Amino acid sequence: MSTIKVAIATNSLGKSAAGHKIHRKLEAAKSHGFDGVEVAFECLEAHAATFTSITTRNEKLRAAASDVYAKATSLSLRLIALNPFRDYDGLKNAQEVDARLKEAELWCQLCQIMHIPIFQICSALYPIEESRITSDPAVIATNMRKLGLLAQKYNLRVGYEAPSWGIHKNTWQHIQEVINIVNLPNVGHCLDTFHIASKEAGDPFNAASPVRKDGYERLRKSLDELKRIIDPSTITYLQLSDATVADPEQRGYVVKDLNQPPLMTQSRNCRIFPCEEKLGGILPAVEVAKAIFDIGYTGWVSMEVFHTDMFDRRASVPNDWARRGMDSWREVITRCGLDRRANI
């Protein structure tokens, strides 16, 4: 059995906008025992902005990518994914598709510089204008096949994720349908315990009953189907997170948007690590993780959360969240029975 390796997302170790620099985040990840790091594009962009002697955006990004790779290598950390590529899968206009593919090629080059194996894309989300996108799986698959073939040139896997508030594609089943049509070996799932648990069971603003009355049964049926249908080799990586109840008025949230979908509000502001029930975690995230491990998945796991605390400027933010992430992972290992499996 292969060894499961654990990573943490750079944007789960403090927001760049709050002054938390990517070098410090890498150091925090290493100091708490992580094997790798999932690179958020916003963190790379923030680092690129510090290369003031370089004039063009693309060259700044390439220089930043080279520097991040050098730093990660010095810490013996793997960089496992670059994400999230947005506003692409359901596009209807050919010129828009071509423009996004041009940007995707830059991302592929950045992955190559950082020795990253996974290019992650999410399904179309608010606030993209719905008139620009389609729900037709055949059209989406055509776009995704173009992306997959581009990624093949760079020896990359494409991790396709359905956020639970996706406009048209918001379940793993939706992604599976597209993957089946694409039929490329390098285009597969990016699964996230928050998205699966919140879509099937969550009620994001309901403090009294944050899991819907039928939520556990809906989730059980979805996970039973997952066990029958998903080949673990088609999972590019697994992201782990839970969440607390969200505030519909978004009081105290640094970035407010009262028009966004409720699950987006919860995801952007309230996600914490699995097994943090004492801190308000309310979703059946561990049940989702266990189902995925039970089908034999042994690839990369990444601890990925988003929380208002990421915007706090205190210097301890990267260390605080890295510690919490590793504490969570150790508890996940126990609750999912991974500690009883060879090489894990």
C-alpha atoms as a PDB file:
ATOM      1  CA  MET A   1       0.000   0.000   0.000  1.00  0.00           C
ATOM      2  CA  SER A   2       1.256   3.454  -0.929  1.00  0.00           C
ATOM      3  CA  THR A   3       1.993   6.012   1.741  1.00  0.00           C
ATOM      4  CA  ILE A   4      -0.580   8.776   2.140  1.00  0.00           C
ATOM      5  CA  LYS A   5       1.177  12.132   2.258  1.00  0.00           C
ATOM      6  CA  VAL A   6      -0.341  15.254   3.772  1.00  0.00           C
ATOM      7  CA  ALA A   7      -0.163  18.841   2.574  1.00  0.00           C
ATOM      8  CA  ILE A   8      -1.711  22.134   3.603  1.00  0.00           C
ATOM      9  CA  ALA A   9      -2.920  25.009   1.415  1.00  0.00           C
ATOM     10  CA  THR A  10      -0.917  28.237   1.423  1.00  0.00           C
ATOM     11  CA  ASN A  11      -4.068  30.341   1.734  1.00  0.00           C
ATOM     12  CA  SER A  12      -5.025  28.322   4.824  1.00  0.00           C
ATOM     13  CA  LEU A  13      -1.978  29.736   6.593  1.00  0.00           C
ATOM     14  CA  GLY A  14      -3.000  33.392   6.419  1.00  0.00           C
ATOM     15  CA  LYS A  15      -4.078  35.761   3.671  1.00  0.00           C
ATOM     16  CA  SER A  16      -1.452  37.512   1.607  1.00  0.00           C
ATOM     17  CA  ALA A  17      -3.593  40.654   1.815  1.00  0.00           C
ATOM     18  CA  ALA A  18      -2.984  40.616   5.591  1.00  0.00           C
ATOM     19  CA  GLY A  19       0.768  40.505   5.107  1.00  0.00           C
ATOM     20  CA  HIS A  20       1.312  36.755   5.476  1.00  0.00           C
ATOM     21  CA  LYS A  21       4.116  35.931   3.051  1.00  0.00           C
ATOM     22  CA  ILE A  22       4.461  32.619   1.279  1.00  0.00           C
ATOM     23  CA  HIS A  23       7.987  31.907   2.580  1.00  0.00           C
ATOM     24  CA  ARG A  24       6.722  32.119   6.146  1.00  0.00           C
ATOM     25  CA  LYS A  25       3.797  29.851   5.281  1.00  0.00           C
ATOM     26  CA  LEU A  26       6.146  27.228   3.852  1.00  0.00           C
ATOM     27  CA  GLU A  27       8.250  27.401   7.001  1.00  0.00           C
ATOM     28  CA  ALA A  28       5.172  26.945   9.181  1.00  0.00           C
ATOM     29  CA  ALA A  29       4.057  23.931   7.133  1.00  0.00           C
ATOM     30  CA  LYS A  30       7.458  22.316   7.464  1.00  0.00           C
ATOM     31  CA  SER A  31       7.746  23.018  11.174  1.00  0.00           C
ATOM     32  CA  HIS A  32       4.522  21.146  11.859  1.00  0.00           C
ATOM     33  CA  GLY A  33       5.391  18.077   9.832  1.00  0.00           C
ATOM     34  CA  PHE A  34       3.608  18.526   6.511  1.00  0.00           C
ATOM     35  CA  ASP A  35       4.983  16.695   3.490  1.00  0.00           C
ATOM     36  CA  GLY A  36       3.795  19.228   0.961  1.00  0.00           C
ATOM     37  CA  VAL A  37       1.933  22.421   0.178  1.00  0.00           C
ATOM     38  CA  GLU A  38      -0.970  23.224  -2.112  1.00  0.00           C
ATOM     39  CA  VAL A  39      -0.208  26.580  -3.768  1.00  0.00           C
ATOM     40  CA  ALA A  40      -3.037  29.108  -4.040  1.00  0.00           C
ATOM     41  CA  PHE A  41      -2.596  31.337  -7.070  1.00  0.00           C
ATOM     42  CA  GLU A  42      -3.393  34.434  -4.998  1.00  0.00           C
ATOM     43  CA  CYS A  43      -0.383  33.672  -2.791  1.00  0.00           C
ATOM     44  CA  LEU A  44       1.863  33.267  -5.830  1.00  0.00           C
ATOM     45  CA  GLU A  45       0.543  36.530  -7.296  1.00  0.00           C
ATOM     46  CA  ALA A  46       1.233  38.377  -4.054  1.00  0.00           C
ATOM     47  CA  HIS A  47       4.788  37.053  -4.042  1.00  0.00           C
ATOM     48  CA  ALA A  48       5.211  37.989  -7.714  1.00  0.00           C
ATOM     49  CA  ALA A  49       4.310  41.594  -6.888  1.00  0.00           C
ATOM     50  CA  THR A  50       7.482  41.842  -4.786  1.00  0.00           C
ATOM     51  CA  PHE A  51       9.682  41.344  -7.871  1.00  0.00           C
ATOM     52  CA  THR A  52       9.661  45.045  -8.655  1.00  0.00           C
ATOM     53  CA  SER A  53      12.604  44.984 -11.060  1.00  0.00           C
ATOM     54  CA  ILE A  54      10.598  42.823 -13.501  1.00  0.00           C
ATOM     55  CA  THR A  55       8.049  44.660 -15.609  1.00  0.00           C
ATOM     56  CA  THR A  56       5.645  42.075 -17.072  1.00  0.00           C
ATOM     57  CA  ARG A  57       3.042  40.050 -15.166  1.00  0.00           C
ATOM     58  CA  ASN A  58       3.995  36.710 -16.668  1.00  0.00           C
ATOM     59  CA  GLU A  59       7.705  37.115 -15.978  1.00  0.00           C
ATOM     60  CA  LYS A  60       6.999  38.249 -12.418  1.00  0.00           C
ATOM     61  CA  LEU A  61       4.940  35.077 -11.921  1.00  0.00           C
ATOM     62  CA  ARG A  62       7.670  32.879 -13.398  1.00  0.00           C
ATOM     63  CA  ALA A  63      10.272  34.463 -11.147  1.00  0.00           C
ATOM     64  CA  ALA A  64       8.018  34.021  -8.137  1.00  0.00           C
ATOM     65  CA  ALA A  65       7.371  30.390  -9.047  1.00  0.00           C
ATOM     66  CA  SER A  66      11.098  29.702  -9.304  1.00  0.00           C
ATOM     67  CA  ASP A  67      11.709  31.340  -5.946  1.00  0.00           C
ATOM     68  CA  VAL A  68       8.867  29.430  -4.237  1.00  0.00           C
ATOM     69  CA  TYR A  69      10.182  26.160  -5.632  1.00  0.00           C
ATOM     70  CA  ALA A  70      13.674  26.944  -4.350  1.00  0.00           C
ATOM     71  CA  LYS A  71      12.304  27.740  -0.898  1.00  0.00           C
ATOM     72  CA  ALA A  72      10.182  24.579  -0.786  1.00  0.00           C
ATOM     73  CA  THR A  73      13.137  22.476  -1.923  1.00  0.00           C
ATOM     74  CA  SER A  74      15.323  23.934   0.822  1.00  0.00           C
ATOM     75  CA  LEU A  75      12.680  22.781   3.309  1.00  0.00           C
ATOM     76  CA  SER A  76      12.194  19.357   1.663  1.00  0.00           C
ATOM     77  CA  LEU A  77       8.570  20.230   0.922  1.00  0.00           C
ATOM     78  CA  ARG A  78       6.686  19.106  -2.187  1.00  0.00           C
ATOM     79  CA  LEU A  79       4.475  21.583  -4.039  1.00  0.00           C
ATOM     80  CA  ILE A  80       1.487  19.484  -5.054  1.00  0.00           C
ATOM     81  CA  ALA A  81      -1.116  21.648  -6.787  1.00  0.00           C
ATOM     82  CA  LEU A  82      -1.793  25.105  -8.215  1.00  0.00           C
ATOM     83  CA  ASN A  83      -5.336  26.379  -7.824  1.00  0.00           C
ATOM     84  CA  PRO A  84      -8.064  27.373  -8.397  1.00  0.00           C
ATOM     85  CA  PHE A  85      -8.395  27.978 -12.140  1.00  0.00           C
ATOM     86  CA  ARG A  86     -11.820  29.583 -12.591  1.00  0.00           C
ATOM     87  CA  ASP A  87     -14.346  30.778 -15.174  1.00  0.00           C
ATOM     88  CA  TYR A  88     -13.618  28.179 -17.810  1.00  0.00           C
ATOM     89  CA  ASP A  89     -15.453  24.865 -17.858  1.00  0.00           C
ATOM     90  CA  GLY A  90     -18.901  26.004 -19.052  1.00  0.00           C
ATOM     91  CA  LEU A  91     -17.910  28.857 -21.356  1.00  0.00           C
ATOM     92  CA  LYS A  92     -19.931  29.025 -24.576  1.00  0.00           C
ATOM     93  CA  ASN A  93     -17.998  31.655 -26.543  1.00  0.00           C
ATOM     94  CA  ALA A  94     -15.028  30.241 -28.499  1.00  0.00           C
ATOM     95  CA  GLN A  95     -12.964  33.415 -28.077  1.00  0.00           C
ATOM     96  CA  GLU A  96     -13.456  33.299 -24.314  1.00  0.00           C
ATOM     97  CA  VAL A  97     -12.423  29.651 -24.265  1.00  0.00           C
ATOM     98  CA  ASP A  98      -9.273  30.449 -26.228  1.00  0.00           C
ATOM     99  CA  ALA A  99      -8.405  33.365 -23.930  1.00  0.00           C
ATOM    100  CA  ARG A 100      -8.752  31.210 -20.831  1.00  0.00           C
ATOM    101  CA  LEU A 101      -6.701  28.431 -22.426  1.00  0.00           C
ATOM    102  CA  LYS A 102      -3.934  30.959 -23.030  1.00  0.00           C
ATOM    103  CA  GLU A 103      -3.983  31.764 -19.305  1.00  0.00           C
ATOM    104  CA  ALA A 104      -4.134  28.041 -18.529  1.00  0.00           C
ATOM    105  CA  GLU A 105      -0.929  27.517 -20.490  1.00  0.00           C
ATOM    106  CA  LEU A 106       0.798  30.076 -18.280  1.00  0.00           C
ATOM    107  CA  TRP A 107      -0.448  28.145 -15.253  1.00  0.00           C
ATOM    108  CA  CYS A 108       0.924  24.938 -16.765  1.00  0.00           C
ATOM    109  CA  GLN A 109       4.295  26.619 -17.186  1.00  0.00           C
ATOM    110  CA  LEU A 110       4.202  27.791 -13.580  1.00  0.00           C
ATOM    111  CA  CYS A 111       3.406  24.236 -12.488  1.00  0.00           C
ATOM    112  CA  GLN A 112       6.391  23.031 -14.494  1.00  0.00           C
ATOM    113  CA  ILE A 113       8.685  25.586 -12.839  1.00  0.00           C
ATOM    114  CA  MET A 114       7.467  24.557  -9.380  1.00  0.00           C
ATOM    115  CA  HIS A 115       7.494  20.819 -10.204  1.00  0.00           C
ATOM    116  CA  ILE A 116       3.779  20.726  -9.369  1.00  0.00           C
ATOM    117  CA  PRO A 117       1.908  17.670 -10.696  1.00  0.00           C
ATOM    118  CA  ILE A 118      -1.718  18.881 -10.363  1.00  0.00           C
ATOM    119  CA  PHE A 119      -3.493  21.730 -12.134  1.00  0.00           C
ATOM    120  CA  GLN A 120      -6.748  22.304 -10.240  1.00  0.00           C
ATOM    121  CA  ILE A 121      -9.870  23.786 -11.770  1.00  0.00           C
ATOM    122  CA  CYS A 122     -13.259  24.411 -10.186  1.00  0.00           C
ATOM    123  CA  SER A 123     -16.617  24.446 -11.934  1.00  0.00           C
ATOM    124  CA  ALA A 124     -18.173  27.791 -12.858  1.00  0.00           C
ATOM    125  CA  LEU A 125     -19.130  29.848  -9.811  1.00  0.00           C
ATOM    126  CA  TYR A 126     -20.810  33.076  -8.799  1.00  0.00           C
ATOM    127  CA  PRO A 127     -20.194  35.861  -9.766  1.00  0.00           C
ATOM    128  CA  ILE A 128     -19.653  34.790 -13.398  1.00  0.00           C
ATOM    129  CA  GLU A 129     -22.579  35.880 -15.559  1.00  0.00           C
ATOM    130  CA  GLU A 130     -24.759  32.835 -16.156  1.00  0.00           C
ATOM    131  CA  SER A 131     -25.365  33.960 -19.746  1.00  0.00           C
ATOM    132  CA  ARG A 132     -21.689  33.168 -20.476  1.00  0.00           C
ATOM    133  CA  ILE A 133     -21.893  29.534 -19.418  1.00  0.00           C
ATOM    134  CA  THR A 134     -23.873  26.402 -20.156  1.00  0.00           C
ATOM    135  CA  SER A 135     -24.929  23.384 -18.137  1.00  0.00           C
ATOM    136  CA  ASP A 136     -24.578  21.096 -21.183  1.00  0.00           C
ATOM    137  CA  PRO A 137     -22.140  18.348 -20.140  1.00  0.00           C
ATOM    138  CA  ALA A 138     -21.104  17.804 -23.773  1.00  0.00           C
ATOM    139  CA  VAL A 139     -19.974  21.423 -24.164  1.00  0.00           C
ATOM    140  CA  ILE A 140     -18.279  21.388 -20.773  1.00  0.00           C
ATOM    141  CA  ALA A 141     -16.514  18.141 -21.651  1.00  0.00           C
ATOM    142  CA  THR A 142     -15.276  19.635 -24.928  1.00  0.00           C
ATOM    143  CA  ASN A 143     -13.719  22.523 -22.997  1.00  0.00           C
ATOM    144  CA  MET A 144     -12.295  20.217 -20.362  1.00  0.00           C
ATOM    145  CA  ARG A 145     -10.813  17.926 -22.990  1.00  0.00           C
ATOM    146  CA  LYS A 146      -8.975  20.899 -24.502  1.00  0.00           C
ATOM    147  CA  LEU A 147      -7.605  21.712 -21.060  1.00  0.00           C
ATOM    148  CA  GLY A 148      -6.667  18.089 -20.452  1.00  0.00           C
ATOM    149  CA  LEU A 149      -4.769  17.832 -23.723  1.00  0.00           C
ATOM    150  CA  LEU A 150      -2.941  21.078 -22.938  1.00  0.00           C
ATOM    151  CA  ALA A 151      -2.014  19.753 -19.498  1.00  0.00           C
ATOM    152  CA  GLN A 152      -0.717  16.518 -21.041  1.00  0.00           C
ATOM    153  CA  LYS A 153       1.962  18.522 -22.849  1.00  0.00           C
ATOM    154  CA  TYR A 154       3.288  19.504 -19.431  1.00  0.00           C
ATOM    155  CA  ASN A 155       2.807  16.068 -17.867  1.00  0.00           C
ATOM    156  CA  LEU A 156       0.119  17.430 -15.543  1.00  0.00           C
ATOM    157  CA  ARG A 157      -3.018  15.952 -14.057  1.00  0.00           C
ATOM    158  CA  VAL A 158      -6.139  18.110 -14.055  1.00  0.00           C
ATOM    159  CA  GLY A 159      -8.057  18.006 -10.772  1.00  0.00           C
ATOM    160  CA  TYR A 160     -11.667  19.002 -11.494  1.00  0.00           C
ATOM    161  CA  GLU A 161     -13.662  20.140  -8.450  1.00  0.00           C
ATOM    162  CA  ALA A 162     -17.348  20.884  -7.905  1.00  0.00           C
ATOM    163  CA  PRO A 163     -17.790  23.485  -5.157  1.00  0.00           C
ATOM    164  CA  SER A 164     -21.094  22.929  -3.399  1.00  0.00           C
ATOM    165  CA  TRP A 165     -22.427  26.270  -4.661  1.00  0.00           C
ATOM    166  CA  GLY A 166     -21.359  25.736  -8.289  1.00  0.00           C
ATOM    167  CA  ILE A 167     -23.838  27.261 -10.731  1.00  0.00           C
ATOM    168  CA  HIS A 168     -24.374  24.106 -12.794  1.00  0.00           C
ATOM    169  CA  LYS A 169     -21.840  21.560 -11.563  1.00  0.00           C
ATOM    170  CA  ASN A 170     -21.916  21.248  -7.772  1.00  0.00           C
ATOM    171  CA  THR A 171     -21.655  17.532  -6.972  1.00  0.00           C
ATOM    172  CA  TRP A 172     -19.039  14.858  -7.543  1.00  0.00           C
ATOM    173  CA  GLN A 173     -21.640  13.094  -9.706  1.00  0.00           C
ATOM    174  CA  HIS A 174     -21.733  16.082 -12.065  1.00  0.00           C
ATOM    175  CA  ILE A 175     -17.950  15.954 -12.358  1.00  0.00           C
ATOM    176  CA  GLN A 176     -17.988  12.202 -12.925  1.00  0.00           C
ATOM    177  CA  GLU A 177     -20.350  12.658 -15.869  1.00  0.00           C
ATOM    178  CA  VAL A 178     -17.987  15.143 -17.499  1.00  0.00           C
ATOM    179  CA  ILE A 179     -14.898  13.033 -16.766  1.00  0.00           C
ATOM    180  CA  ASN A 180     -16.554  10.055 -18.444  1.00  0.00           C
ATOM    181  CA  ILE A 181     -17.136  12.073 -21.617  1.00  0.00           C
ATOM    182  CA  VAL A 182     -13.660  13.649 -21.588  1.00  0.00           C
ATOM    183  CA  ASN A 183     -12.084  10.195 -21.292  1.00  0.00           C
ATOM    184  CA  LEU A 184      -8.524  11.352 -20.737  1.00  0.00           C
ATOM    185  CA  PRO A 185      -6.313   9.598 -18.181  1.00  0.00           C
ATOM    186  CA  ASN A 186      -5.029  12.891 -16.751  1.00  0.00           C
ATOM    187  CA  VAL A 187      -8.436  14.487 -16.075  1.00  0.00           C
ATOM    188  CA  GLY A 188      -9.914  13.400 -12.767  1.00  0.00           C
ATOM    189  CA  HIS A 189     -11.560  14.429  -9.527  1.00  0.00           C
ATOM    190  CA  CYS A 190     -10.464  16.873  -6.882  1.00  0.00           C
ATOM    191  CA  LEU A 191     -12.652  15.835  -3.949  1.00  0.00           C
ATOM    192  CA  ASP A 192     -13.304  18.047  -0.925  1.00  0.00           C
ATOM    193  CA  THR A 193     -15.010  16.875   2.252  1.00  0.00           C
ATOM    194  CA  PHE A 194     -16.611  20.289   2.820  1.00  0.00           C
ATOM    195  CA  HIS A 195     -18.216  20.426  -0.607  1.00  0.00           C
ATOM    196  CA  ILE A 196     -19.629  16.903  -0.449  1.00  0.00           C
ATOM    197  CA  ALA A 197     -20.840  17.165   3.152  1.00  0.00           C
ATOM    198  CA  SER A 198     -22.281  20.681   2.836  1.00  0.00           C
ATOM    199  CA  LYS A 199     -24.069  19.970  -0.455  1.00  0.00           C
ATOM    200  CA  GLU A 200     -25.771  16.833   0.791  1.00  0.00           C
ATOM    201  CA  ALA A 201     -26.282  17.617   4.468  1.00  0.00           C
ATOM    202  CA  GLY A 202     -25.549  21.219   5.374  1.00  0.00           C
ATOM    203  CA  ASP A 203     -27.772  24.123   6.334  1.00  0.00           C
ATOM    204  CA  PRO A 204     -25.156  26.911   6.518  1.00  0.00           C
ATOM    205  CA  PHE A 205     -27.123  29.575   8.430  1.00  0.00           C
ATOM    206  CA  ASN A 206     -29.049  27.281  10.773  1.00  0.00           C
ATOM    207  CA  ALA A 207     -27.345  27.408  14.167  1.00  0.00           C
ATOM    208  CA  ALA A 208     -30.076  25.303  15.764  1.00  0.00           C
ATOM    209  CA  SER A 209     -29.841  22.501  13.193  1.00  0.00           C
ATOM    210  CA  PRO A 210     -26.807  22.938  10.905  1.00  0.00           C
ATOM    211  CA  VAL A 211     -27.314  19.484   9.380  1.00  0.00           C
ATOM    212  CA  ARG A 212     -30.621  19.160   7.528  1.00  0.00           C
ATOM    213  CA  LYS A 213     -33.198  16.670   8.757  1.00  0.00           C
ATOM    214  CA  ASP A 214     -32.583  14.399   5.774  1.00  0.00           C
ATOM    215  CA  GLY A 215     -28.911  15.319   5.519  1.00  0.00           C
ATOM    216  CA  TYR A 216     -27.310  12.181   6.895  1.00  0.00           C
ATOM    217  CA  GLU A 217     -29.465   9.958   4.714  1.00  0.00           C
ATOM    218  CA  ARG A 218     -28.739  12.016   1.601  1.00  0.00           C
ATOM    219  CA  LEU A 219     -25.031  11.883   2.385  1.00  0.00           C
ATOM    220  CA  ARG A 220     -25.124   8.135   3.027  1.00  0.00           C
ATOM    221  CA  LYS A 221     -26.702   7.534  -0.386  1.00  0.00           C
ATOM    222  CA  SER A 222     -24.163   9.782  -2.097  1.00  0.00           C
ATOM    223  CA  LEU A 223     -21.221   8.056  -0.402  1.00  0.00           C
ATOM    224  CA  ASP A 224     -22.617   4.587  -1.178  1.00  0.00           C
ATOM    225  CA  GLU A 225     -22.783   5.672  -4.823  1.00  0.00           C
ATOM    226  CA  LEU A 226     -19.262   7.095  -4.640  1.00  0.00           C
ATOM    227  CA  LYS A 227     -17.948   3.756  -3.371  1.00  0.00           C
ATOM    228  CA  ARG A 228     -19.541   1.981  -6.331  1.00  0.00           C
ATOM    229  CA  ILE A 229     -18.576   4.422  -9.059  1.00  0.00           C
ATOM    230  CA  ILE A 230     -15.328   6.286  -8.383  1.00  0.00           C
ATOM    231  CA  ASP A 231     -12.077   4.559  -9.210  1.00  0.00           C
ATOM    232  CA  PRO A 232      -9.548   5.861  -6.652  1.00  0.00           C
ATOM    233  CA  SER A 233      -6.977   6.229  -9.431  1.00  0.00           C
ATOM    234  CA  THR A 234      -9.141   9.008 -10.913  1.00  0.00           C
ATOM    235  CA  ILE A 235      -8.820  11.145  -7.756  1.00  0.00           C
ATOM    236  CA  THR A 236      -6.011  13.661  -8.217  1.00  0.00           C
ATOM    237  CA  TYR A 237      -6.087  14.642  -4.555  1.00  0.00           C
ATOM    238  CA  LEU A 238      -8.363  14.987  -1.544  1.00  0.00           C
ATOM    239  CA  GLN A 239      -8.967  18.187   0.413  1.00  0.00           C
ATOM    240  CA  LEU A 240     -10.103  17.994   4.029  1.00  0.00           C
ATOM    241  CA  SER A 241     -12.174  20.607   5.866  1.00  0.00           C
ATOM    242  CA  ASP A 242     -15.248  21.124   8.005  1.00  0.00           C
ATOM    243  CA  ALA A 243     -17.089  24.372   8.831  1.00  0.00           C
ATOM    244  CA  THR A 244     -18.879  26.307  11.534  1.00  0.00           C
ATOM    245  CA  VAL A 245     -22.294  27.893  11.094  1.00  0.00           C
ATOM    246  CA  ALA A 246     -22.212  31.070   8.984  1.00  0.00           C
ATOM    247  CA  ASP A 247     -23.769  34.458   9.703  1.00  0.00           C
ATOM    248  CA  PRO A 248     -26.265  35.424   6.972  1.00  0.00           C
ATOM    249  CA  GLU A 249     -25.576  39.110   7.695  1.00  0.00           C
ATOM    250  CA  GLN A 250     -21.806  38.509   7.441  1.00  0.00           C
ATOM    251  CA  ARG A 251     -21.108  40.615  10.512  1.00  0.00           C
ATOM    252  CA  GLY A 252     -17.371  40.884  11.133  1.00  0.00           C
ATOM    253  CA  TYR A 253     -16.482  39.289   7.805  1.00  0.00           C
ATOM    254  CA  VAL A 254     -13.649  41.133   6.093  1.00  0.00           C
ATOM    255  CA  VAL A 255     -14.927  40.448   2.572  1.00  0.00           C
ATOM    256  CA  LYS A 256     -18.699  40.854   2.412  1.00  0.00           C
ATOM    257  CA  ASP A 257     -21.081  39.999  -0.398  1.00  0.00           C
ATOM    258  CA  LEU A 258     -24.708  39.570   0.611  1.00  0.00           C
ATOM    259  CA  ASN A 259     -25.589  38.412  -2.914  1.00  0.00           C
ATOM    260  CA  GLN A 260     -23.376  35.327  -2.885  1.00  0.00           C
ATOM    261  CA  PRO A 261     -24.873  31.851  -2.327  1.00  0.00           C
ATOM    262  CA  PRO A 262     -25.180  30.818   1.355  1.00  0.00           C
ATOM    263  CA  LEU A 263     -22.747  27.901   0.991  1.00  0.00           C
ATOM    264  CA  MET A 264     -20.211  30.293  -0.514  1.00  0.00           C
ATOM    265  CA  THR A 265     -20.552  32.556   2.527  1.00  0.00           C
ATOM    266  CA  GLN A 266     -19.902  29.577   4.791  1.00  0.00           C
ATOM    267  CA  SER A 267     -17.006  28.318   2.693  1.00  0.00           C
ATOM    268  CA  ARG A 268     -15.209  31.635   2.419  1.00  0.00           C
ATOM    269  CA  ASN A 269     -15.470  32.572   6.102  1.00  0.00           C
ATOM    270  CA  CYS A 270     -16.173  29.581   8.331  1.00  0.00           C
ATOM    271  CA  ARG A 271     -14.187  26.569   7.194  1.00  0.00           C
ATOM    272  CA  ILE A 272     -12.122  24.870   9.875  1.00  0.00           C
ATOM    273  CA  PHE A 273     -10.346  21.536  10.015  1.00  0.00           C
ATOM    274  CA  PRO A 274     -12.102  18.195  10.515  1.00  0.00           C
ATOM    275  CA  CYS A 275     -12.361  16.924  14.096  1.00  0.00           C
ATOM    276  CA  GLU A 276     -12.526  20.462  15.489  1.00  0.00           C
ATOM    277  CA  GLU A 277     -16.011  19.992  16.951  1.00  0.00           C
ATOM    278  CA  LYS A 278     -14.970  21.850  20.115  1.00  0.00           C
ATOM    279  CA  LEU A 279     -14.392  24.900  17.907  1.00  0.00           C
ATOM    280  CA  GLY A 280     -17.821  24.624  16.291  1.00  0.00           C
ATOM    281  CA  GLY A 281     -17.312  22.156  13.461  1.00  0.00           C
ATOM    282  CA  ILE A 282     -20.710  20.814  12.462  1.00  0.00           C
ATOM    283  CA  LEU A 283     -20.501  18.871   9.172  1.00  0.00           C
ATOM    284  CA  PRO A 284     -20.003  15.102   8.700  1.00  0.00           C
ATOM    285  CA  ALA A 285     -16.642  15.728   7.045  1.00  0.00           C
ATOM    286  CA  VAL A 286     -14.891  12.703   8.550  1.00  0.00           C
ATOM    287  CA  GLU A 287     -17.584  10.400   7.180  1.00  0.00           C
ATOM    288  CA  VAL A 288     -16.786  11.699   3.701  1.00  0.00           C
ATOM    289  CA  ALA A 289     -13.052  11.236   4.183  1.00  0.00           C
ATOM    290  CA  LYS A 290     -13.516   7.708   5.497  1.00  0.00           C
ATOM    291  CA  ALA A 291     -15.617   6.709   2.492  1.00  0.00           C
ATOM    292  CA  ILE A 292     -12.891   7.933   0.144  1.00  0.00           C
ATOM    293  CA  PHE A 293     -10.127   6.162   2.046  1.00  0.00           C
ATOM    294  CA  ASP A 294     -12.280   3.018   2.167  1.00  0.00           C
ATOM    295  CA  ILE A 295     -12.307   2.752  -1.642  1.00  0.00           C
ATOM    296  CA  GLY A 296      -8.535   2.503  -1.503  1.00  0.00           C
ATOM    297  CA  TYR A 297      -7.435   6.087  -2.073  1.00  0.00           C
ATOM    298  CA  THR A 298      -3.796   6.559  -1.042  1.00  0.00           C
ATOM    299  CA  GLY A 299      -2.754   9.770  -2.789  1.00  0.00           C
ATOM    300  CA  TRP A 300      -2.145  13.286  -1.536  1.00  0.00           C
ATOM    301  CA  VAL A 301      -4.373  14.740   1.168  1.00  0.00           C
ATOM    302  CA  SER A 302      -4.449  18.512   1.659  1.00  0.00           C
ATOM    303  CA  MET A 303      -5.796  20.387   4.651  1.00  0.00           C
ATOM    304  CA  GLU A 304      -7.623  23.337   3.065  1.00  0.00           C
ATOM    305  CA  VAL A 305      -9.672  25.816   5.053  1.00  0.00           C
ATOM    306  CA  PHE A 306     -10.844  29.421   4.699  1.00  0.00           C
ATOM    307  CA  HIS A 307     -11.649  31.533   7.732  1.00  0.00           C
ATOM    308  CA  THR A 308     -11.982  35.155   8.772  1.00  0.00           C
ATOM    309  CA  ASP A 309      -8.982  34.631  11.075  1.00  0.00           C
ATOM    310  CA  MET A 310      -6.781  34.341   7.969  1.00  0.00           C
ATOM    311  CA  PHE A 311      -7.140  38.122   7.618  1.00  0.00           C
ATOM    312  CA  ASP A 312      -5.721  38.775  11.083  1.00  0.00           C
ATOM    313  CA  ARG A 313      -2.297  40.409  10.864  1.00  0.00           C
ATOM    314  CA  ARG A 314      -0.778  38.740  13.922  1.00  0.00           C
ATOM    315  CA  ALA A 315       2.520  37.063  13.084  1.00  0.00           C
ATOM    316  CA  SER A 316       1.420  33.754  14.613  1.00  0.00           C
ATOM    317  CA  VAL A 317      -1.371  33.064  12.078  1.00  0.00           C
ATOM    318  CA  PRO A 318       0.646  30.705   9.817  1.00  0.00           C
ATOM    319  CA  ASN A 319       1.974  28.758  12.774  1.00  0.00           C
ATOM    320  CA  ASP A 320      -1.417  28.619  14.522  1.00  0.00           C
ATOM    321  CA  TRP A 321      -3.209  27.177  11.510  1.00  0.00           C
ATOM    322  CA  ALA A 322      -0.381  24.805  10.582  1.00  0.00           C
ATOM    323  CA  ARG A 323      -0.487  23.381  14.103  1.00  0.00           C
ATOM    324  CA  ARG A 324      -4.257  23.009  13.984  1.00  0.00           C
ATOM    325  CA  GLY A 325      -4.055  21.376  10.565  1.00  0.00           C
ATOM    326  CA  MET A 326      -1.597  18.731  11.703  1.00  0.00           C
ATOM    327  CA  ASP A 327      -3.560  18.085  14.905  1.00  0.00           C
ATOM    328  CA  SER A 328      -6.636  17.563  12.738  1.00  0.00           C
ATOM    329  CA  TRP A 329      -4.841  15.211  10.351  1.00  0.00           C
ATOM    330  CA  ARG A 330      -3.619  13.045  13.222  1.00  0.00           C
ATOM    331  CA  GLU A 331      -7.178  12.765  14.516  1.00  0.00           C
ATOM    332  CA  VAL A 332      -8.488  11.980  11.013  1.00  0.00           C
ATOM    333  CA  ILE A 333      -5.929   9.162  10.794  1.00  0.00           C
ATOM    334  CA  THR A 334      -7.360   7.654  13.972  1.00  0.00           C
ATOM    335  CA  ARG A 335     -11.052   8.151  13.186  1.00  0.00           C
ATOM    336  CA  CYS A 336     -10.714   6.778   9.666  1.00  0.00           C
ATOM    337  CA  GLY A 337      -8.698   3.781  10.812  1.00  0.00           C
ATOM    338  CA  LEU A 338      -5.681   4.779   8.745  1.00  0.00           C
ATOM    339  CA  ASP A 339      -3.392   4.085  11.695  1.00  0.00           C
ATOM    340  CA  ARG A 340      -4.238   0.412  11.311  1.00  0.00           C
ATOM    341  CA  ARG A 341      -3.153   0.294   7.657  1.00  0.00           C
ATOM    342  CA  ALA A 342       0.349  -0.551   6.483  1.00  0.00           C
ATOM    343  CA  ASN A 343       2.655   2.328   5.520  1.00  0.00           C
ATOM    344  CA  ILE A 344       0.304   5.073   6.714  1.00  0.00           C
END
